[in-house]
Amino acid sequence: MSVKQLFDLTGKVAIITGGSRGLGLQMAEALGEMGARLAITARKADELAEAKAHLETQGVEVLTIVNDLSKFDQIPGLVSAVLERYGKIDILVNNAGATWGAPAEDYPNEAWMKVINLNVNGMFFLTREVGKRAFIPQKSGKVIVTASIAGLRGNPPDMQTIAYNTSKGADVNFVRALAAEWGRYNINVNAICPGFFPSKMASGIMEKLGDRIIASTSLGRVGGDEDLKGAVVFLASEASRHVTGHALTVDGGSSCF
């Protein structure tokens, strides 16, 4: 098989949660460009419609599903909608996430539950549903979790995101545990750990600490609009068929320090 064939996703079906904007949309663009048919989910119908129109101008087939992954009872219906449209699922990108800033000693209960429910519980319940109904029966599949470098380390004292760091640390070990368990089904399970990208979720921290963050990054910049594309295509394609249980940092070298 040629290298081009290894990276080719023609005919594959990919779900991208949180796929209407930011990192999710960037990864959807990449998978679509390589030939995948997409199902993107998010909470806001207007943002999904805008993303769908954008992707379709690039010749990508797109199904949009309005869904809140923190409402766990909606998850089986999401998977059913994708299977009814495409008949299979080959790639699951668990990208939807939330954060909340507050000192640990004063962290609100509802904030903790919001972050953990979306970043860990909803992610697991969706992966379980796709695994049970698609990946395990077909003896193949690619699970990709958008974790974070926040899951690999702590924070400076003024970056108070204890629930986010905890959830992303859980995501990193989730891929290790699930990779070990589902390898017998020819399912690869990996994480991408982005550093700082100019996204809506990171805007508050970037406004407050942007200069310091850039100064502590080896390449001297934050992530851009193209910087996750290669990583997600690699992990979604046959090029990564011997890679599983791995957390790939895409952080401009900030974890070098």
Protein backbone atom coordinates (compact mmCIF):
# COMPACT_ATOMS: atom_id res chain seq x y z
CA MET A 1 0.00 0.00 0.00
CA SER A 2 1.38 3.42 -0.95
CA VAL A 3 1.75 6.22 1.58
CA LYS A 4 -1.02 8.12 -0.19
CA GLN A 5 -3.31 5.11 0.21
CA LEU A 6 -2.44 4.83 3.89
CA PHE A 7 -3.76 8.35 4.49
CA ASP A 8 -6.76 8.07 2.17
CA LEU A 9 -10.17 8.18 3.93
CA THR A 10 -12.39 7.82 0.87
CA GLY A 11 -15.69 6.21 1.84
CA LYS A 12 -15.01 6.31 5.59
CA VAL A 13 -17.68 7.71 7.91
CA ALA A 14 -16.57 10.01 10.73
CA ILE A 15 -18.47 11.47 13.68
CA ILE A 16 -16.99 14.68 15.08
CA THR A 17 -18.58 15.98 18.27
CA GLY A 18 -18.31 19.71 18.82
CA GLY A 19 -17.73 19.86 15.08
CA SER A 20 -19.40 23.16 14.29
CA ARG A 21 -16.49 25.49 15.14
CA GLY A 22 -12.96 25.76 16.45
CA LEU A 23 -10.83 22.65 16.69
CA GLY A 24 -13.75 20.39 15.81
CA LEU A 25 -14.43 22.19 12.55
CA GLN A 26 -10.72 22.21 11.71
CA MET A 27 -10.60 18.42 12.13
CA ALA A 28 -13.83 17.99 10.17
CA GLU A 29 -12.28 19.96 7.30
CA ALA A 30 -9.25 17.68 7.33
CA LEU A 31 -11.17 14.41 7.40
CA GLY A 32 -13.55 15.61 4.72
CA GLU A 33 -10.72 16.72 2.46
CA MET A 34 -9.24 13.22 2.67
CA GLY A 35 -12.53 11.69 1.51
CA ALA A 36 -14.50 10.95 4.69
CA ARG A 37 -18.24 11.46 4.91
CA LEU A 38 -19.03 13.43 8.03
CA ALA A 39 -21.55 13.60 10.84
CA ILE A 40 -20.94 16.69 12.97
CA THR A 41 -22.74 17.34 16.23
CA ALA A 42 -23.12 20.38 18.47
CA ARG A 43 -25.72 22.04 20.67
CA LYS A 44 -26.52 25.02 18.45
CA ALA A 45 -28.42 24.47 15.20
CA ASP A 46 -27.32 27.77 13.66
CA GLU A 47 -23.63 27.03 14.15
CA LEU A 48 -24.10 23.55 12.70
CA ALA A 49 -25.87 24.96 9.66
CA GLU A 50 -23.03 27.43 9.08
CA ALA A 51 -20.42 24.67 9.41
CA LYS A 52 -22.36 22.40 7.05
CA ALA A 53 -22.54 25.12 4.39
CA HIS A 54 -18.82 25.79 4.78
CA LEU A 55 -17.88 22.12 4.45
CA GLU A 56 -20.18 21.52 1.51
CA THR A 57 -18.45 24.28 -0.45
CA GLN A 58 -15.39 22.05 -0.19
CA GLY A 59 -17.29 19.09 -1.64
CA VAL A 60 -17.72 17.25 1.66
CA GLU A 61 -20.84 15.22 2.45
CA VAL A 62 -22.14 16.32 5.85
CA LEU A 63 -24.89 15.21 8.23
CA THR A 64 -25.60 17.60 11.11
CA ILE A 65 -27.12 16.48 14.40
CA VAL A 66 -28.15 18.87 17.15
CA ASN A 67 -27.09 17.12 20.34
CA ASP A 68 -26.03 17.86 23.91
CA LEU A 69 -23.69 15.07 25.04
CA SER A 70 -24.27 15.97 28.68
CA LYS A 71 -27.84 14.70 28.15
CA PHE A 72 -26.90 11.06 28.07
CA ASP A 73 -30.29 9.80 26.92
CA GLN A 74 -29.73 11.54 23.56
CA ILE A 75 -26.66 9.47 22.73
CA PRO A 76 -28.34 6.33 21.29
CA GLY A 77 -30.43 8.51 18.98
CA LEU A 78 -27.32 10.31 17.74
CA VAL A 79 -25.69 7.01 16.80
CA SER A 80 -28.91 5.76 15.19
CA ALA A 81 -29.11 8.89 13.03
CA VAL A 82 -25.58 8.33 11.70
CA LEU A 83 -26.16 4.63 11.04
CA GLU A 84 -29.46 5.35 9.28
CA ARG A 85 -27.78 7.89 6.99
CA TYR A 86 -24.51 6.11 6.24
CA GLY A 87 -24.95 2.49 7.31
CA LYS A 88 -21.67 2.39 9.23
CA ILE A 89 -19.25 4.38 11.38
CA ASP A 90 -15.47 4.15 10.94
CA ILE A 91 -14.08 7.08 12.93
CA LEU A 92 -15.22 8.75 16.15
CA VAL A 93 -13.65 12.07 17.12
CA ASN A 94 -14.66 12.91 20.69
CA ASN A 95 -14.00 16.64 20.59
CA ALA A 96 -16.90 18.32 22.46
CA GLY A 97 -15.73 19.81 25.73
CA ALA A 98 -16.23 22.44 28.39
CA THR A 99 -14.15 24.32 30.94
CA TRP A 100 -14.78 26.54 33.95
CA GLY A 101 -12.39 28.75 35.89
CA ALA A 102 -12.50 29.07 39.67
CA PRO A 103 -10.17 28.50 42.65
CA ALA A 104 -10.23 24.85 43.70
CA GLU A 105 -11.35 25.68 47.24
CA ASP A 106 -14.36 27.59 45.94
CA TYR A 107 -15.10 25.52 42.85
CA PRO A 108 -18.89 25.24 42.42
CA ASN A 109 -20.41 21.77 42.48
CA GLU A 110 -22.43 22.48 39.34
CA ALA A 111 -19.31 23.63 37.47
CA TRP A 112 -17.43 20.46 38.39
CA MET A 113 -20.32 18.27 37.24
CA LYS A 114 -20.76 20.22 33.99
CA VAL A 115 -17.13 19.74 32.98
CA ILE A 116 -16.85 16.11 34.07
CA ASN A 117 -20.18 15.13 32.54
CA LEU A 118 -19.27 16.45 29.11
CA ASN A 119 -15.53 15.84 28.98
CA VAL A 120 -15.54 12.36 30.54
CA ASN A 121 -18.99 10.83 31.00
CA GLY A 122 -20.59 11.87 27.72
CA MET A 123 -17.40 11.01 25.85
CA PHE A 124 -17.38 7.51 27.35
CA PHE A 125 -21.07 6.84 26.82
CA LEU A 126 -20.84 7.84 23.15
CA THR A 127 -17.70 5.77 22.61
CA ARG A 128 -19.36 2.78 24.26
CA GLU A 129 -22.43 3.15 22.03
CA VAL A 130 -20.40 3.44 18.83
CA GLY A 131 -18.17 0.57 19.87
CA LYS A 132 -21.04 -1.73 20.67
CA ARG A 133 -23.12 -0.93 17.58
CA ALA A 134 -20.47 -0.27 14.93
CA PHE A 135 -16.80 -0.83 15.70
CA ILE A 136 -16.90 -4.18 17.49
CA PRO A 137 -19.34 -5.85 15.04
CA GLN A 138 -17.26 -4.74 12.03
CA LYS A 139 -13.94 -5.51 13.78
CA SER A 140 -12.46 -2.09 13.00
CA GLY A 141 -12.65 1.50 14.13
CA LYS A 142 -10.71 4.59 15.10
CA VAL A 143 -11.46 6.40 18.38
CA ILE A 144 -9.81 9.81 18.73
CA VAL A 145 -10.23 11.91 21.87
CA THR A 146 -9.37 15.60 22.00
CA ALA A 147 -7.60 15.72 25.34
CA SER A 148 -5.18 18.54 26.19
CA ILE A 149 -1.72 19.24 27.52
CA ALA A 150 -3.73 20.25 30.62
CA GLY A 151 -4.26 16.52 31.12
CA LEU A 152 -0.52 15.92 31.34
CA ARG A 153 0.48 18.54 33.92
CA GLY A 154 -0.71 21.16 36.36
CA ASN A 155 -1.21 24.89 35.82
CA PRO A 156 0.40 28.13 36.87
CA PRO A 157 -1.33 29.32 40.07
CA ASP A 158 -3.46 31.92 38.27
CA MET A 159 -4.84 29.43 35.72
CA GLN A 160 -7.52 27.85 37.90
CA THR A 161 -9.18 25.08 35.86
CA ILE A 162 -9.08 22.10 38.20
CA ALA A 163 -12.05 20.28 36.66
CA TYR A 164 -10.75 20.71 33.11
CA ASN A 165 -7.30 19.40 33.99
CA THR A 166 -8.82 16.49 35.87
CA SER A 167 -11.13 15.61 32.99
CA LYS A 168 -8.37 15.75 30.39
CA GLY A 169 -6.11 13.61 32.56
CA ALA A 170 -8.96 11.11 32.69
CA ASP A 171 -9.27 11.27 28.90
CA VAL A 172 -5.57 10.45 28.47
CA ASN A 173 -5.78 7.37 30.66
CA PHE A 174 -9.13 6.44 29.10
CA VAL A 175 -7.45 5.93 25.74
CA ARG A 176 -4.76 3.76 27.30
CA ALA A 177 -7.27 1.55 29.08
CA LEU A 178 -9.67 1.26 26.15
CA ALA A 179 -6.85 0.64 23.67
CA ALA A 180 -5.74 -2.31 25.76
CA GLU A 181 -9.27 -3.69 25.93
CA TRP A 182 -10.42 -3.11 22.35
CA GLY A 183 -7.21 -3.93 20.50
CA ARG A 184 -8.51 -7.49 19.98
CA TYR A 185 -11.27 -5.99 17.82
CA ASN A 186 -8.78 -4.10 15.61
CA ILE A 187 -9.89 -0.78 17.13
CA ASN A 188 -7.33 1.97 17.62
CA VAL A 189 -7.88 4.38 20.50
CA ASN A 190 -5.73 7.51 20.73
CA ALA A 191 -5.76 11.07 22.04
CA ILE A 192 -4.64 14.39 20.63
CA CYS A 193 -3.38 16.78 23.29
CA PRO A 194 -3.47 20.32 21.87
CA GLY A 195 -1.69 23.19 23.49
CA PHE A 196 -3.21 26.65 23.25
CA PHE A 197 -5.26 27.43 20.16
CA PRO A 198 -7.30 30.64 19.68
CA SER A 199 -10.69 29.03 20.33
CA LYS A 200 -13.81 30.35 22.01
CA MET A 201 -13.21 28.11 25.03
CA ALA A 202 -9.63 29.36 25.47
CA SER A 203 -10.35 33.03 24.78
CA GLY A 204 -10.51 34.11 28.42
CA ILE A 205 -7.18 32.52 29.32
CA MET A 206 -5.53 33.79 26.14
CA GLU A 207 -6.68 37.34 26.86
CA LYS A 208 -5.29 37.15 30.37
CA LEU A 209 -2.13 35.10 29.87
CA GLY A 210 -1.50 35.03 26.12
CA ASP A 211 1.91 36.71 26.17
CA ARG A 212 3.19 34.40 28.89
CA ILE A 213 1.83 31.34 27.09
CA ILE A 214 3.56 32.29 23.84
CA ALA A 215 6.81 33.01 25.67
CA SER A 216 6.79 29.52 27.18
CA THR A 217 6.22 27.78 23.83
CA SER A 218 9.29 26.55 21.93
CA LEU A 219 7.96 27.66 18.54
CA GLY A 220 6.88 31.03 19.92
CA ARG A 221 3.26 30.87 18.78
CA VAL A 222 -0.12 29.35 19.56
CA GLY A 223 -1.82 26.77 17.36
CA GLY A 224 -3.29 27.83 14.03
CA ASP A 225 -6.08 26.85 11.67
CA GLU A 226 -4.06 24.04 10.05
CA ASP A 227 -2.14 22.65 13.00
CA LEU A 228 -4.43 19.78 14.03
CA LYS A 229 -5.24 18.60 10.51
CA GLY A 230 -2.26 16.34 9.97
CA ALA A 231 -2.56 14.79 13.42
CA VAL A 232 -6.24 13.88 13.11
CA VAL A 233 -5.84 12.46 9.59
CA PHE A 234 -2.91 10.34 10.78
CA LEU A 235 -4.87 8.92 13.72
CA ALA A 236 -8.02 8.38 11.62
CA SER A 237 -6.27 6.60 8.78
CA GLU A 238 -4.47 3.34 8.14
CA ALA A 239 -1.20 5.24 8.53
CA SER A 240 -1.67 4.84 12.31
CA ARG A 241 -2.81 1.21 12.27
CA HIS A 242 0.04 0.21 14.63
CA VAL A 243 -0.48 3.17 16.98
CA THR A 244 -2.90 2.81 19.88
CA GLY A 245 -3.13 4.00 23.47
CA HIS A 246 -1.08 7.07 22.56
CA ALA A 247 -1.47 10.74 23.53
CA LEU A 248 -0.05 12.92 20.75
CA THR A 249 0.88 16.44 21.89
CA VAL A 250 0.32 19.24 19.37
CA ASP A 251 1.46 22.17 21.46
CA GLY A 252 4.28 24.00 19.69
CA GLY A 253 6.72 22.62 22.22
CA SER A 254 5.21 24.06 25.38
CA SER A 255 5.54 20.67 27.05
CA CYS A 256 9.31 20.80 26.47
CA PHE A 257 9.65 23.14 29.46
